[in-house]
PDB file of N, CA and C in Angstrom:
ATOM      1  N   MET A   1       0.831  -1.199   0.000  1.00  0.00           N
ATOM      2  CA  MET A   1       0.000   0.000   0.000  1.00  0.00           C
ATOM      3  C   MET A   1       0.867   1.251   0.000  1.00  0.00           C
ATOM      4  N   LYS A   2       2.058   1.189   0.565  1.00  0.00           N
ATOM      5  CA  LYS A   2       2.853   2.399   0.671  1.00  0.00           C
ATOM      6  C   LYS A   2       3.482   2.789  -0.669  1.00  0.00           C
ATOM      7  N   TYR A   3       3.751   1.835  -1.565  1.00  0.00           N
ATOM      8  CA  TYR A   3       4.362   2.183  -2.849  1.00  0.00           C
ATOM      9  C   TYR A   3       3.398   2.897  -3.792  1.00  0.00           C
ATOM     10  N   PRO A   4       2.155   2.434  -3.965  1.00  0.00           N
ATOM     11  CA  PRO A   4       1.242   3.202  -4.828  1.00  0.00           C
ATOM     12  C   PRO A   4       0.963   4.597  -4.279  1.00  0.00           C
ATOM     13  N   LEU A   5       0.877   4.725  -2.965  1.00  0.00           N
ATOM     14  CA  LEU A   5       0.632   6.034  -2.366  1.00  0.00           C
ATOM     15  C   LEU A   5       1.829   6.958  -2.594  1.00  0.00           C
ATOM     16  N   LEU A   6       3.041   6.420  -2.432  1.00  0.00           N
ATOM     17  CA  LEU A   6       4.255   7.202  -2.671  1.00  0.00           C
ATOM     18  C   LEU A   6       4.353   7.613  -4.138  1.00  0.00           C
ATOM     19  N   LEU A   7       3.996   6.711  -5.047  1.00  0.00           N
ATOM     20  CA  LEU A   7       4.019   7.013  -6.473  1.00  0.00           C
ATOM     21  C   LEU A   7       3.001   8.097  -6.824  1.00  0.00           C
ATOM     22  N   ALA A   8       1.824   8.064  -6.222  1.00  0.00           N
ATOM     23  CA  ALA A   8       0.801   9.077  -6.478  1.00  0.00           C
ATOM     24  C   ALA A   8       1.247  10.445  -5.978  1.00  0.00           C
ATOM     25  N   VAL A   9       1.882  10.491  -4.815  1.00  0.00           N
ATOM     26  CA  VAL A   9       2.365  11.764  -4.272  1.00  0.00           C
ATOM     27  C   VAL A   9       3.465  12.324  -5.164  1.00  0.00           C
ATOM     28  N   LEU A  10       4.374  11.470  -5.613  1.00  0.00           N
ATOM     29  CA  LEU A  10       5.469  11.902  -6.491  1.00  0.00           C
ATOM     30  C   LEU A  10       4.923  12.419  -7.824  1.00  0.00           C
ATOM     31  N   ALA A  11       3.957  11.719  -8.416  1.00  0.00           N
ATOM     32  CA  ALA A  11       3.362  12.160  -9.681  1.00  0.00           C
ATOM     33  C   ALA A  11       2.624  13.482  -9.499  1.00  0.00           C
ATOM     34  N   GLY A  12       1.908  13.645  -8.414  1.00  0.00           N
ATOM     35  CA  GLY A  12       1.204  14.901  -8.151  1.00  0.00           C
ATOM     36  C   GLY A  12       2.168  16.061  -7.993  1.00  0.00           C
ATOM     37  N   THR A  13       3.297  15.832  -7.331  1.00  0.00           N
ATOM     38  CA  THR A  13       4.299  16.880  -7.163  1.00  0.00           C
ATOM     39  C   THR A  13       4.869  17.308  -8.517  1.00  0.00           C
ATOM     40  N   LEU A  14       5.164  16.337  -9.381  1.00  0.00           N
ATOM     41  CA  LEU A  14       5.706  16.655 -10.701  1.00  0.00           C
ATOM     42  C   LEU A  14       4.698  17.435 -11.545  1.00  0.00           C
ATOM     43  N   VAL A  15       3.442  17.041 -11.483  1.00  0.00           N
ATOM     44  CA  VAL A  15       2.411  17.719 -12.274  1.00  0.00           C
ATOM     45  C   VAL A  15       2.229  19.153 -11.808  1.00  0.00           C
ATOM     46  N   LEU A  16       2.178  19.365 -10.512  1.00  0.00           N
ATOM     47  CA  LEU A  16       1.975  20.711  -9.993  1.00  0.00           C
ATOM     48  C   LEU A  16       3.191  21.605 -10.225  1.00  0.00           C
ATOM     49  N   SER A  17       4.384  21.038 -10.193  1.00  0.00           N
ATOM     50  CA  SER A  17       5.571  21.869 -10.425  1.00  0.00           C
ATOM     51  C   SER A  17       5.703  22.244 -11.889  1.00  0.00           C
ATOM     52  N   ALA A  18       5.155  21.438 -12.790  1.00  0.00           N
ATOM     53  CA  ALA A  18       5.220  21.747 -14.225  1.00  0.00           C
ATOM     54  C   ALA A  18       4.264  22.876 -14.588  1.00  0.00           C
ATOM     55  N   CYS A  19       3.281  23.159 -13.764  1.00  0.00           N
ATOM     56  CA  CYS A  19       2.285  24.186 -14.065  1.00  0.00           C
ATOM     57  C   CYS A  19       2.706  25.585 -13.618  1.00  0.00           C
ATOM     58  N   GLU A  20       3.863  25.728 -12.982  1.00  0.00           N
ATOM     59  CA  GLU A  20       4.276  27.028 -12.470  1.00  0.00           C
ATOM     60  C   GLU A  20       4.589  27.965 -13.637  1.00  0.00           C
ATOM     61  N   ARG A  21       4.071  29.198 -13.563  1.00  0.00           N
ATOM     62  CA  ARG A  21       4.299  30.169 -14.625  1.00  0.00           C
ATOM     63  C   ARG A  21       4.745  31.491 -13.997  1.00  0.00           C
ATOM     64  N   THR A  22       5.524  32.233 -14.765  1.00  0.00           N
ATOM     65  CA  THR A  22       5.876  33.571 -14.327  1.00  0.00           C
ATOM     66  C   THR A  22       5.065  34.554 -15.145  1.00  0.00           C
ATOM     67  N   VAL A  23       4.538  35.579 -14.509  1.00  0.00           N
ATOM     68  CA  VAL A  23       3.678  36.552 -15.179  1.00  0.00           C
ATOM     69  C   VAL A  23       4.550  37.700 -15.672  1.00  0.00           C
ATOM     70  N   VAL A  24       4.439  38.012 -16.969  1.00  0.00           N
ATOM     71  CA  VAL A  24       5.197  39.105 -17.558  1.00  0.00           C
ATOM     72  C   VAL A  24       4.194  40.133 -18.051  1.00  0.00           C
ATOM     73  N   ALA A  25       4.335  41.375 -17.584  1.00  0.00           N
ATOM     74  CA  ALA A  25       3.416  42.436 -18.000  1.00  0.00           C
ATOM     75  C   ALA A  25       3.848  42.935 -19.385  1.00  0.00           C
ATOM     76  N   PRO A  26       2.913  43.028 -20.343  1.00  0.00           N
ATOM     77  CA  PRO A  26       3.275  43.523 -21.667  1.00  0.00           C
ATOM     78  C   PRO A  26       3.573  45.021 -21.605  1.00  0.00           C
ATOM     79  N   PRO A  27       4.492  45.499 -22.452  1.00  0.00           N
ATOM     80  CA  PRO A  27       4.810  46.931 -22.422  1.00  0.00           C
ATOM     81  C   PRO A  27       3.602  47.751 -22.889  1.00  0.00           C
ATOM     82  N   ALA A  28       3.505  48.961 -22.377  1.00  0.00           N
ATOM     83  CA  ALA A  28       2.391  49.833 -22.730  1.00  0.00           C
ATOM     84  C   ALA A  28       2.521  50.266 -24.189  1.00  0.00           C
ATOM     85  N   ALA A  29       1.412  50.320 -24.899  1.00  0.00           N
ATOM     86  CA  ALA A  29       1.417  50.708 -26.301  1.00  0.00           C
ATOM     87  C   ALA A  29       1.565  52.224 -26.422  1.00  0.00           C
ATOM     88  N   VAL A  30       2.397  52.665 -27.366  1.00  0.00           N
ATOM     89  CA  VAL A  30       2.607  54.092 -27.597  1.00  0.00           C
ATOM     90  C   VAL A  30       1.696  54.517 -28.732  1.00  0.00           C
ATOM     91  N   VAL A  31       0.865  55.520 -28.491  1.00  0.00           N
ATOM     92  CA  VAL A  31      -0.073  56.005 -29.501  1.00  0.00           C
ATOM     93  C   VAL A  31       0.493  57.297 -30.081  1.00  0.00           C
ATOM     94  N   THR A  32       0.701  57.324 -31.407  1.00  0.00           N
ATOM     95  CA  THR A  32       1.222  58.517 -32.071  1.00  0.00           C
ATOM     96  C   THR A  32       0.074  59.218 -32.764  1.00  0.00           C
ATOM     97  N   VAL A  33      -0.106  60.492 -32.492  1.00  0.00           N
ATOM     98  CA  VAL A  33      -1.178  61.276 -33.102  1.00  0.00           C
ATOM     99  C   VAL A  33      -0.569  62.063 -34.257  1.00  0.00           C
ATOM    100  N   PRO A  34      -1.103  61.909 -35.500  1.00  0.00           N
ATOM    101  CA  PRO A  34      -0.523  62.630 -36.636  1.00  0.00           C
ATOM    102  C   PRO A  34      -0.826  64.118 -36.557  1.00  0.00           C
ATOM    103  N   GLY A  35       0.119  64.905 -37.071  1.00  0.00           N
ATOM    104  CA  GLY A  35      -0.058  66.359 -37.102  1.00  0.00           C
ATOM    105  C   GLY A  35      -0.779  66.782 -38.380  1.00  0.00           C
ATOM    106  N   PRO A  36      -0.876  68.082 -38.658  1.00  0.00           N
ATOM    107  CA  PRO A  36      -1.564  68.542 -39.863  1.00  0.00           C
ATOM    108  C   PRO A  36      -0.740  68.212 -41.105  1.00  0.00           C
ATOM    109  N   ALA A  37      -1.428  68.041 -42.236  1.00  0.00           N
ATOM    110  CA  ALA A  37      -0.768  67.683 -43.491  1.00  0.00           C
ATOM    111  C   ALA A  37       0.036  68.863 -44.010  1.00  0.00           C
ATOM    112  N   GLY A  38       1.191  68.580 -44.630  1.00  0.00           N
ATOM    113  CA  GLY A  38       2.041  69.617 -45.203  1.00  0.00           C
ATOM    114  C   GLY A  38       1.574  69.989 -46.609  1.00  0.00           C
ATOM    115  N   PRO A  39       2.214  71.012 -47.255  1.00  0.00           N
ATOM    116  CA  PRO A  39       1.822  71.423 -48.601  1.00  0.00           C
ATOM    117  C   PRO A  39       2.198  70.353 -49.629  1.00  0.00           C
ATOM    118  N   ALA A  40       1.474  70.330 -50.755  1.00  0.00           N
ATOM    119  CA  ALA A  40       1.719  69.349 -51.809  1.00  0.00           C
ATOM    120  C   ALA A  40       3.031  69.667 -52.498  1.00  0.00           C
ATOM    121  N   GLY A  41       3.737  68.636 -52.968  1.00  0.00           N
ATOM    122  CA  GLY A  41       5.006  68.826 -53.657  1.00  0.00           C
ATOM    123  C   GLY A  41       4.788  69.249 -55.098  1.00  0.00           C
ATOM    124  N   ALA A  42       5.871  69.707 -55.750  1.00  0.00           N
ATOM    125  CA  ALA A  42       5.802  70.147 -57.147  1.00  0.00           C
ATOM    126  C   ALA A  42       5.618  68.952 -58.066  1.00  0.00           C
ATOM    127  N   THR A  43       4.987  69.184 -59.241  1.00  0.00           N
ATOM    128  CA  THR A  43       4.760  68.116 -60.208  1.00  0.00           C
ATOM    129  C   THR A  43       6.067  67.819 -60.915  1.00  0.00           C
ATOM    130  N   GLY A  44       6.322  66.539 -61.182  1.00  0.00           N
ATOM    131  CA  GLY A  44       7.562  66.136 -61.843  1.00  0.00           C
ATOM    132  C   GLY A  44       7.533  66.447 -63.331  1.00  0.00           C
ATOM    133  N   ALA A  45       8.716  66.481 -63.953  1.00  0.00           N
ATOM    134  CA  ALA A  45       8.841  66.789 -65.379  1.00  0.00           C
ATOM    135  C   ALA A  45       8.369  65.619 -66.220  1.00  0.00           C
ATOM    136  N   THR A  46       7.836  65.910 -67.424  1.00  0.00           N
ATOM    137  CA  THR A  46       7.364  64.877 -68.339  1.00  0.00           C
ATOM    138  C   THR A  46       8.558  64.322 -69.098  1.00  0.00           C
ATOM    139  N   GLY A  47       8.525  63.023 -69.403  1.00  0.00           N
ATOM    140  CA  GLY A  47       9.614  62.390 -70.139  1.00  0.00           C
ATOM    141  C   GLY A  47       9.694  62.902 -71.564  1.00  0.00           C
ATOM    142  N   ALA A  48      10.887  62.869 -72.144  1.00  0.00           N
ATOM    143  CA  ALA A  48      11.081  63.389 -73.497  1.00  0.00           C
ATOM    144  C   ALA A  48      10.806  62.292 -74.506  1.00  0.00           C
ATOM    145  N   GLY A  49       9.739  62.437 -75.308  1.00  0.00           N
ATOM    146  CA  GLY A  49       9.454  61.485 -76.386  1.00  0.00           C
ATOM    147  C   GLY A  49       8.795  60.214 -75.892  1.00  0.00           C
ATOM    148  N   VAL A  50       8.331  59.411 -76.844  1.00  0.00           N
ATOM    149  CA  VAL A  50       7.664  58.145 -76.553  1.00  0.00           C
ATOM    150  C   VAL A  50       8.703  57.040 -76.670  1.00  0.00           C
ATOM    151  N   GLY A  51       8.734  56.146 -75.722  1.00  0.00           N
ATOM    152  CA  GLY A  51       9.703  55.063 -75.779  1.00  0.00           C
ATOM    153  C   GLY A  51       9.393  54.085 -76.904  1.00  0.00           C
ATOM    154  N   ILE A  52      10.401  53.622 -77.625  1.00  0.00           N
ATOM    155  CA  ILE A  52      10.226  52.655 -78.712  1.00  0.00           C
ATOM    156  C   ILE A  52      10.649  51.297 -78.172  1.00  0.00           C
ATOM    157  N   PRO A  53       9.736  50.329 -78.268  1.00  0.00           N
ATOM    158  CA  PRO A  53      10.088  49.009 -77.742  1.00  0.00           C
ATOM    159  C   PRO A  53      11.154  48.342 -78.606  1.00  0.00           C
ATOM    160  N   GLY A  54      12.004  47.566 -77.989  1.00  0.00           N
ATOM    161  CA  GLY A  54      13.052  46.844 -78.702  1.00  0.00           C
ATOM    162  C   GLY A  54      12.507  45.596 -79.382  1.00  0.00           C
ATOM    163  N   PRO A  55      13.312  44.934 -80.183  1.00  0.00           N
ATOM    164  CA  PRO A  55      12.858  43.727 -80.877  1.00  0.00           C
ATOM    165  C   PRO A  55      12.592  42.593 -79.885  1.00  0.00           C
ATOM    166  N   THR A  56      11.685  41.700 -80.267  1.00  0.00           N
ATOM    167  CA  THR A  56      11.338  40.546 -79.432  1.00  0.00           C
ATOM    168  C   THR A  56      12.445  39.515 -79.530  1.00  0.00           C
ATOM    169  N   GLY A  57      12.779  38.884 -78.436  1.00  0.00           N
ATOM    170  CA  GLY A  57      13.833  37.868 -78.427  1.00  0.00           C
ATOM    171  C   GLY A  57      13.380  36.583 -79.110  1.00  0.00           C
ATOM    172  N   ALA A  58      14.338  35.751 -79.469  1.00  0.00           N
ATOM    173  CA  ALA A  58      14.058  34.474 -80.146  1.00  0.00           C
ATOM    174  C   ALA A  58      13.429  33.489 -79.165  1.00  0.00           C
ATOM    175  N   THR A  59      12.581  32.617 -79.703  1.00  0.00           N
ATOM    176  CA  THR A  59      11.942  31.591 -78.887  1.00  0.00           C
ATOM    177  C   THR A  59      12.947  30.497 -78.578  1.00  0.00           C
ATOM    178  N   GLY A  60      12.949  30.009 -77.359  1.00  0.00           N
ATOM    179  CA  GLY A  60      13.889  28.958 -76.957  1.00  0.00           C
ATOM    180  C   GLY A  60      13.554  27.612 -77.596  1.00  0.00           C
ATOM    181  N   ALA A  61      14.541  26.752 -77.661  1.00  0.00           N
ATOM    182  CA  ALA A  61      14.365  25.415 -78.250  1.00  0.00           C
ATOM    183  C   ALA A  61      13.526  24.538 -77.325  1.00  0.00           C
ATOM    184  N   THR A  62      12.792  23.596 -77.912  1.00  0.00           N
ATOM    185  CA  THR A  62      11.963  22.675 -77.144  1.00  0.00           C
ATOM    186  C   THR A  62      12.855  21.629 -76.492  1.00  0.00           C
ATOM    187  N   GLY A  63      12.571  21.287 -75.261  1.00  0.00           N
ATOM    188  CA  GLY A  63      13.376  20.299 -74.535  1.00  0.00           C
ATOM    189  C   GLY A  63      13.162  18.889 -75.053  1.00  0.00           C
ATOM    190  N   ALA A  64      14.101  18.007 -74.774  1.00  0.00           N
ATOM    191  CA  ALA A  64      14.027  16.613 -75.219  1.00  0.00           C
ATOM    192  C   ALA A  64      12.978  15.856 -74.409  1.00  0.00           C
ATOM    193  N   THR A  65      12.356  14.857 -75.035  1.00  0.00           N
ATOM    194  CA  THR A  65      11.360  14.030 -74.356  1.00  0.00           C
ATOM    195  C   THR A  65      12.072  13.054 -73.431  1.00  0.00           C
ATOM    196  N   GLY A  66      11.565  12.874 -72.240  1.00  0.00           N
ATOM    197  CA  GLY A  66      12.184  11.962 -71.280  1.00  0.00           C
ATOM    198  C   GLY A  66      12.017  10.500 -71.683  1.00  0.00           C
ATOM    199  N   SER A  67      12.857   9.633 -71.142  1.00  0.00           N
ATOM    200  CA  SER A  67      12.782   8.207 -71.483  1.00  0.00           C
ATOM    201  C   SER A  67      11.650   7.535 -70.711  1.00  0.00           C
ATOM    202  N   THR A  68      11.159   6.437 -71.272  1.00  0.00           N
ATOM    203  CA  THR A  68      10.071   5.690 -70.651  1.00  0.00           C
ATOM    204  C   THR A  68      10.621   4.893 -69.480  1.00  0.00           C
ATOM    205  N   GLY A  69       9.880   4.842 -68.400  1.00  0.00           N
ATOM    206  CA  GLY A  69      10.333   4.116 -67.206  1.00  0.00           C
ATOM    207  C   GLY A  69      10.320   2.612 -67.413  1.00  0.00           C
ATOM    208  N   TYR A  70      11.006   1.889 -66.523  1.00  0.00           N
ATOM    209  CA  TYR A  70      11.107   0.423 -66.564  1.00  0.00           C
ATOM    210  C   TYR A  70       9.787  -0.196 -66.141  1.00  0.00           C
ATOM    211  N   GLU A  71       9.342  -1.169 -66.923  1.00  0.00           N
ATOM    212  CA  GLU A  71       8.113  -1.878 -66.564  1.00  0.00           C
ATOM    213  C   GLU A  71       8.481  -2.989 -65.601  1.00  0.00           C
ATOM    214  N   GLY A  72       7.830  -3.052 -64.469  1.00  0.00           N
ATOM    215  CA  GLY A  72       8.173  -4.040 -63.436  1.00  0.00           C
ATOM    216  C   GLY A  72       7.885  -5.468 -63.873  1.00  0.00           C
ATOM    217  N   ALA A  73       8.519  -6.419 -63.202  1.00  0.00           N
ATOM    218  CA  ALA A  73       8.347  -7.838 -63.516  1.00  0.00           C
ATOM    219  C   ALA A  73       6.993  -8.326 -63.038  1.00  0.00           C
ATOM    220  N   THR A  74       6.477  -9.334 -63.739  1.00  0.00           N
ATOM    221  CA  THR A  74       5.192  -9.928 -63.377  1.00  0.00           C
ATOM    222  C   THR A  74       5.394 -10.902 -62.218  1.00  0.00           C
ATOM    223  N   GLY A  75       4.496 -10.914 -61.275  1.00  0.00           N
ATOM    224  CA  GLY A  75       4.612 -11.806 -60.121  1.00  0.00           C
ATOM    225  C   GLY A  75       4.349 -13.258 -60.499  1.00  0.00           C
ATOM    226  N   ALA A  76       4.804 -14.169 -59.662  1.00  0.00           N
ATOM    227  CA  ALA A  76       4.624 -15.607 -59.905  1.00  0.00           C
ATOM    228  C   ALA A  76       3.173 -16.003 -59.697  1.00  0.00           C
ATOM    229  N   THR A  77       2.718 -16.970 -60.497  1.00  0.00           N
ATOM    230  CA  THR A  77       1.358 -17.480 -60.371  1.00  0.00           C
ATOM    231  C   THR A  77       1.291 -18.433 -59.188  1.00  0.00           C
ATOM    232  N   GLY A  78       0.253 -18.334 -58.394  1.00  0.00           N
ATOM    233  CA  GLY A  78       0.113 -19.200 -57.222  1.00  0.00           C
ATOM    234  C   GLY A  78      -0.236 -20.631 -57.602  1.00  0.00           C
ATOM    235  N   ALA A  79       0.031 -21.562 -56.703  1.00  0.00           N
ATOM    236  CA  ALA A  79      -0.247 -22.976 -56.946  1.00  0.00           C
ATOM    237  C   ALA A  79      -1.745 -23.243 -56.853  1.00  0.00           C
ATOM    238  N   THR A  80      -2.205 -24.239 -57.599  1.00  0.00           N
ATOM    239  CA  THR A  80      -3.617 -24.621 -57.572  1.00  0.00           C
ATOM    240  C   THR A  80      -3.902 -25.371 -56.276  1.00  0.00           C
ATOM    241  N   GLY A  81      -5.023 -25.085 -55.648  1.00  0.00           N
ATOM    242  CA  GLY A  81      -5.378 -25.740 -54.395  1.00  0.00           C
ATOM    243  C   GLY A  81      -5.795 -27.194 -54.597  1.00  0.00           C
ATOM    244  N   ALA A  82      -5.758 -27.958 -53.534  1.00  0.00           N
ATOM    245  CA  ALA A  82      -6.119 -29.387 -53.593  1.00  0.00           C
ATOM    246  C   ALA A  82      -7.634 -29.534 -53.761  1.00  0.00           C
ATOM    247  N   THR A  83      -8.052 -30.561 -54.488  1.00  0.00           N
ATOM    248  CA  THR A  83      -9.467 -30.845 -54.693  1.00  0.00           C
ATOM    249  C   THR A  83     -10.024 -31.525 -53.446  1.00  0.00           C
ATOM    250  N   GLY A  84     -11.215 -31.156 -53.021  1.00  0.00           N
ATOM    251  CA  GLY A  84     -11.819 -31.746 -51.826  1.00  0.00           C
ATOM    252  C   GLY A  84     -12.298 -33.173 -52.063  1.00  0.00           C
ATOM    253  N   ASN A  85     -12.522 -33.911 -50.986  1.00  0.00           N
ATOM    254  CA  ASN A  85     -12.994 -35.302 -51.076  1.00  0.00           C
ATOM    255  C   ASN A  85     -14.454 -35.341 -51.499  1.00  0.00           C
ATOM    256  N   THR A  86     -14.823 -36.403 -52.196  1.00  0.00           N
ATOM    257  CA  THR A  86     -16.216 -36.597 -52.608  1.00  0.00           C
ATOM    258  C   THR A  86     -17.002 -37.142 -51.426  1.00  0.00           C
ATOM    259  N   GLY A  87     -18.210 -36.639 -51.220  1.00  0.00           N
ATOM    260  CA  GLY A  87     -19.039 -37.092 -50.107  1.00  0.00           C
ATOM    261  C   GLY A  87     -19.605 -38.490 -50.347  1.00  0.00           C
ATOM    262  N   ARG A  88     -20.087 -39.114 -49.267  1.00  0.00           N
ATOM    263  CA  ARG A  88     -20.663 -40.461 -49.375  1.00  0.00           C
ATOM    264  C   ARG A  88     -22.017 -40.394 -50.058  1.00  0.00           C
ATOM    265  N   THR A  89     -22.366 -41.449 -50.776  1.00  0.00           N
ATOM    266  CA  THR A  89     -23.664 -41.546 -51.437  1.00  0.00           C
ATOM    267  C   THR A  89     -24.718 -41.893 -50.392  1.00  0.00           C
ATOM    268  N   GLY A  90     -25.870 -41.237 -50.480  1.00  0.00           N
ATOM    269  CA  GLY A  90     -26.940 -41.495 -49.519  1.00  0.00           C
ATOM    270  C   GLY A  90     -27.610 -42.848 -49.758  1.00  0.00           C
ATOM    271  N   GLN A  91     -28.367 -43.334 -48.753  1.00  0.00           N
ATOM    272  CA  GLN A  91     -29.066 -44.617 -48.868  1.00  0.00           C
ATOM    273  C   GLN A  91     -30.292 -44.455 -49.756  1.00  0.00           C
ATOM    274  N   THR A  92     -30.623 -45.525 -50.423  1.00  0.00           N
ATOM    275  CA  THR A  92     -31.823 -45.539 -51.260  1.00  0.00           C
ATOM    276  C   THR A  92     -33.044 -45.590 -50.343  1.00  0.00           C
ATOM    277  N   GLY A  93     -34.096 -44.823 -50.703  1.00  0.00           N
ATOM    278  CA  GLY A  93     -35.304 -44.788 -49.889  1.00  0.00           C
ATOM    279  C   GLY A  93     -36.078 -46.102 -49.957  1.00  0.00           C
ATOM    280  N   GLN A  94     -36.833 -46.378 -48.904  1.00  0.00           N
ATOM    281  CA  GLN A  94     -37.623 -47.603 -48.859  1.00  0.00           C
ATOM    282  C   GLN A  94     -38.919 -47.399 -49.633  1.00  0.00           C
ATOM    283  N   THR A  95     -39.398 -48.487 -50.231  1.00  0.00           N
ATOM    284  CA  THR A  95     -40.672 -48.413 -50.936  1.00  0.00           C
ATOM    285  C   THR A  95     -41.775 -48.767 -49.963  1.00  0.00           C
ATOM    286  N   GLY A  96     -42.896 -48.097 -50.085  1.00  0.00           N
ATOM    287  CA  GLY A  96     -44.003 -48.354 -49.162  1.00  0.00           C
ATOM    288  C   GLY A  96     -45.254 -48.759 -49.918  1.00  0.00           C
ATOM    289  N   ASP A  97     -46.349 -48.957 -49.190  1.00  0.00           N
ATOM    290  CA  ASP A  97     -47.626 -49.330 -49.803  1.00  0.00           C
ATOM    291  C   ASP A  97     -48.261 -48.085 -50.402  1.00  0.00           C
ATOM    292  N   THR A  98     -49.022 -48.287 -51.472  1.00  0.00           N
ATOM    293  CA  THR A  98     -49.722 -47.198 -52.119  1.00  0.00           C
ATOM    294  C   THR A  98     -51.117 -47.108 -51.515  1.00  0.00           C
ATOM    295  N   VAL A  99     -51.546 -45.916 -51.135  1.00  0.00           N
ATOM    296  CA  VAL A  99     -52.860 -45.725 -50.551  1.00  0.00           C
ATOM    297  C   VAL A  99     -53.659 -44.888 -51.553  1.00  0.00           C
ATOM    298  N   VAL A 100     -54.862 -45.426 -51.896  1.00  0.00           N
ATOM    299  CA  VAL A 100     -55.733 -44.711 -52.830  1.00  0.00           C
ATOM    300  C   VAL A 100     -56.935 -44.237 -52.032  1.00  0.00           C
ATOM    301  N   VAL A 101     -57.211 -42.929 -52.092  1.00  0.00           N
ATOM    302  CA  VAL A 101     -58.343 -42.373 -51.372  1.00  0.00           C
ATOM    303  C   VAL A 101     -59.436 -42.121 -52.398  1.00  0.00           C
ATOM    304  N   VAL A 102     -60.599 -42.740 -52.156  1.00  0.00           N
ATOM    305  CA  VAL A 102     -61.731 -42.560 -53.062  1.00  0.00           C
ATOM    306  C   VAL A 102     -62.665 -41.534 -52.428  1.00  0.00           C
ATOM    307  N   PRO A 103     -62.997 -40.495 -53.176  1.00  0.00           N
ATOM    308  CA  PRO A 103     -63.881 -39.500 -52.604  1.00  0.00           C
ATOM    309  C   PRO A 103     -65.301 -40.055 -52.396  1.00  0.00           C
ATOM    310  N   ALA A 104     -65.948 -39.580 -51.353  1.00  0.00           N
ATOM    311  CA  ALA A 104     -67.326 -40.017 -51.067  1.00  0.00           C
ATOM    312  C   ALA A 104     -68.290 -39.315 -51.985  1.00  0.00           C
ATOM    313  N   ARG A 105     -69.411 -39.970 -52.262  1.00  0.00           N
ATOM    314  CA  ARG A 105     -70.389 -39.378 -53.158  1.00  0.00           C
ATOM    315  C   ARG A 105     -71.356 -38.548 -52.440  1.00  0.00           C
TER     316      ARG A 105
END
């Protein structure tokens, strides 16, 4: 009786010690309030002339087709099972008397 009780106390101590936490206070958030908007900047200069696109590059060559993978070997055919035994032939039924029932008039 003393070993299971000792084991339960030891397990309870380990469980409770694993739950200990230290509390850390998060830093206070700093709120920045924007000031009034400044004056608009000057408009930039327009580019000189319309850009002329250069010639289109050549199309790359088509890659080679990959080789076909190896076809795996066929598995061995299983052996044929043994044929079961033939059952015994039943007995021939006995012949009985024939009964003729004549209906009443």
